[in-house]
Amino acid sequence: MAGIGPITQDWEPVVIKKKAPNAATKKDEKVVNAARRAGADIETVRKSHAGTNKAASSSTSLNTRKLDEDTENLALLLSVLYCTDDRVPSELKKAIVQARNDKKLTQSQLAQLINEKPQVIQEYESGKAIPNQQILTKLERALGVKLRGKK
């Protein structure tokens, strides 16, 4: 390589720096303890509602109150429309029990005949069920008696 001048370096020095610690590493227990040992000032700030849900439940907003009123009105409307207070009448209860006993069936056997759970028959016979026309039709067929309408 004769004729070429002295070899020089064209590169500039590269300095690699660590990233500044982010918020999560600043709060890390190890970092805080190291800072305390080094004598650095540490500031601790307690948030007023930290760890609680007081901000969400402290006061009822207008929208929440409105929603509660609408829900109550809807429940009242549905109970009027669907007559949820109507339970099995005592004549129907007695007729189901009498027809089942005449056929010498247990509640479980009758439930199996009409493809329902035994609890359904129990609710009808105790008067707790709300009458369902499909179930009454199944009961009429299985027991061979007319449970609805004129006798």
Protein backbone atom coordinates (compact mmCIF):
# COMPACT_ATOMS: atom_id res chain seq x y z
CA MET A 1 0.00 0.00 0.00
CA ALA A 2 2.66 2.33 -0.94
CA GLY A 3 1.69 5.84 -1.82
CA ILE A 4 -1.21 6.09 0.57
CA GLY A 5 -0.84 8.47 3.44
CA PRO A 6 -0.99 7.64 7.09
CA ILE A 7 -3.92 5.52 8.23
CA THR A 8 -6.43 7.54 10.18
CA GLN A 9 -9.59 6.58 11.96
CA ASP A 10 -12.74 8.33 10.71
CA TRP A 11 -15.02 7.00 13.42
CA GLU A 12 -16.48 9.01 16.22
CA PRO A 13 -16.72 7.50 19.66
CA VAL A 14 -20.12 5.93 20.46
CA VAL A 15 -21.47 6.38 23.98
CA ILE A 16 -24.07 3.87 25.17
CA LYS A 17 -26.29 5.07 27.96
CA LYS A 18 -28.78 3.20 30.09
CA LYS A 19 -32.41 4.17 29.79
CA ALA A 20 -33.83 6.32 32.52
CA PRO A 21 -35.85 4.25 35.00
CA ASN A 22 -39.59 4.25 34.30
CA ALA A 23 -42.29 4.76 36.91
CA ALA A 24 -42.63 1.07 37.72
CA THR A 25 -38.94 0.63 38.50
CA LYS A 26 -38.89 3.81 40.56
CA LYS A 27 -41.57 2.32 42.81
CA ASP A 28 -39.84 -1.03 43.12
CA GLU A 29 -38.98 -1.88 46.72
CA LYS A 30 -35.34 -2.67 45.92
CA VAL A 31 -34.83 0.68 44.20
CA VAL A 32 -36.47 2.58 47.05
CA ASN A 33 -34.33 0.80 49.67
CA ALA A 34 -31.16 1.47 47.66
CA ALA A 35 -32.08 5.16 47.45
CA ARG A 36 -32.65 5.28 51.21
CA ARG A 37 -29.23 3.71 51.86
CA ALA A 38 -27.65 6.25 49.52
CA GLY A 39 -29.30 9.05 51.49
CA ALA A 40 -31.51 10.29 48.68
CA ASP A 41 -34.73 12.13 49.46
CA ILE A 42 -37.75 9.90 49.01
CA GLU A 43 -41.20 11.34 48.66
CA THR A 44 -44.19 9.19 49.48
CA VAL A 45 -47.62 10.36 48.41
CA ARG A 46 -50.78 8.67 49.58
CA LYS A 47 -53.71 8.91 47.24
CA SER A 48 -56.96 9.87 48.92
CA HIS A 49 -59.08 6.97 47.62
CA ALA A 50 -56.33 4.40 47.06
CA GLY A 51 -57.49 0.82 47.37
CA THR A 52 -61.12 1.73 47.87
CA ASN A 53 -64.10 2.26 45.66
CA LYS A 54 -65.32 5.33 47.50
CA ALA A 55 -65.18 7.54 44.44
CA ALA A 56 -67.65 5.33 42.59
CA SER A 57 -70.10 4.80 45.42
CA SER A 58 -69.83 7.97 47.48
CA SER A 59 -72.73 9.76 45.82
CA THR A 60 -75.57 8.63 43.66
CA SER A 61 -75.43 10.33 40.34
CA LEU A 62 -78.48 11.43 38.44
CA ASN A 63 -78.06 8.67 35.85
CA THR A 64 -77.89 5.98 38.52
CA ARG A 65 -81.01 7.27 40.23
CA LYS A 66 -82.83 7.41 36.88
CA LEU A 67 -81.78 3.85 36.07
CA ASP A 68 -83.03 2.60 39.45
CA GLU A 69 -86.41 4.28 38.93
CA ASP A 70 -86.73 2.83 35.43
CA THR A 71 -85.87 -0.65 36.70
CA GLU A 72 -88.53 -0.43 39.42
CA ASN A 73 -91.10 0.80 36.90
CA LEU A 74 -90.22 -2.02 34.51
CA ALA A 75 -90.55 -4.66 37.23
CA LEU A 76 -93.97 -3.29 38.15
CA LEU A 77 -95.05 -3.21 34.52
CA LEU A 78 -93.90 -6.79 33.90
CA SER A 79 -95.70 -8.06 37.00
CA VAL A 80 -98.92 -6.43 35.75
CA LEU A 81 -98.54 -7.69 32.18
CA TYR A 82 -97.60 -11.25 32.99
CA CYS A 83 -99.63 -11.56 36.18
CA THR A 84 -96.75 -13.09 38.08
CA ASP A 85 -98.88 -13.15 41.20
CA ASP A 86 -101.13 -15.85 39.70
CA ARG A 87 -100.29 -19.21 41.19
CA VAL A 88 -101.90 -22.58 40.73
CA PRO A 89 -105.49 -22.39 42.05
CA SER A 90 -106.45 -24.77 44.85
CA GLU A 91 -109.03 -26.58 42.64
CA LEU A 92 -106.29 -27.37 40.11
CA LYS A 93 -103.90 -28.57 42.83
CA LYS A 94 -106.54 -30.91 44.21
CA ALA A 95 -107.48 -32.17 40.74
CA ILE A 96 -103.84 -33.01 39.89
CA VAL A 97 -103.27 -34.82 43.20
CA GLN A 98 -106.59 -36.73 42.88
CA ALA A 99 -105.92 -37.81 39.28
CA ARG A 100 -102.35 -38.84 40.10
CA ASN A 101 -103.50 -40.89 43.09
CA ASP A 102 -106.26 -42.53 40.99
CA LYS A 103 -103.61 -43.67 38.50
CA LYS A 104 -101.42 -44.80 41.45
CA LEU A 105 -98.47 -42.72 40.29
CA THR A 106 -95.81 -40.98 42.35
CA GLN A 107 -94.76 -37.43 41.58
CA SER A 108 -91.51 -38.74 40.07
CA GLN A 109 -93.34 -41.24 37.84
CA LEU A 110 -95.77 -38.58 36.63
CA ALA A 111 -92.87 -36.20 35.94
CA GLN A 112 -91.16 -38.91 33.92
CA LEU A 113 -94.35 -39.51 31.90
CA ILE A 114 -94.58 -35.86 30.87
CA ASN A 115 -90.79 -35.37 30.47
CA GLU A 116 -90.48 -32.80 33.25
CA LYS A 117 -88.53 -32.69 36.49
CA PRO A 118 -90.22 -34.03 39.65
CA GLN A 119 -89.83 -30.56 41.14
CA VAL A 120 -92.32 -29.24 38.55
CA ILE A 121 -95.02 -31.65 39.71
CA GLN A 122 -94.23 -30.83 43.33
CA GLU A 123 -94.60 -27.09 42.63
CA TYR A 124 -97.94 -27.60 40.86
CA GLU A 125 -99.32 -29.73 43.68
CA SER A 126 -98.12 -27.32 46.37
CA GLY A 127 -99.46 -24.28 44.47
CA LYS A 128 -96.10 -22.54 44.09
CA ALA A 129 -95.89 -22.84 40.30
CA ILE A 130 -97.16 -20.30 37.81
CA PRO A 131 -99.48 -22.24 35.48
CA ASN A 132 -97.98 -23.07 32.10
CA GLN A 133 -100.43 -24.17 29.41
CA GLN A 134 -97.97 -26.63 27.83
CA ILE A 135 -97.35 -28.41 31.13
CA LEU A 136 -101.09 -28.48 31.88
CA THR A 137 -101.69 -30.08 28.47
CA LYS A 138 -99.07 -32.74 29.21
CA LEU A 139 -100.64 -33.40 32.61
CA GLU A 140 -104.12 -33.74 31.08
CA ARG A 141 -102.85 -36.29 28.55
CA ALA A 142 -100.86 -38.31 31.10
CA LEU A 143 -103.61 -38.35 33.73
CA GLY A 144 -106.55 -38.69 31.33
CA VAL A 145 -108.50 -35.88 32.95
CA LYS A 146 -109.47 -32.34 31.98
CA LEU A 147 -107.77 -29.85 34.26
CA ARG A 148 -108.70 -26.60 32.49
CA GLY A 149 -111.99 -25.10 31.44
CA LYS A 150 -115.46 -26.47 32.19
CA LYS A 151 -115.70 -29.96 33.58
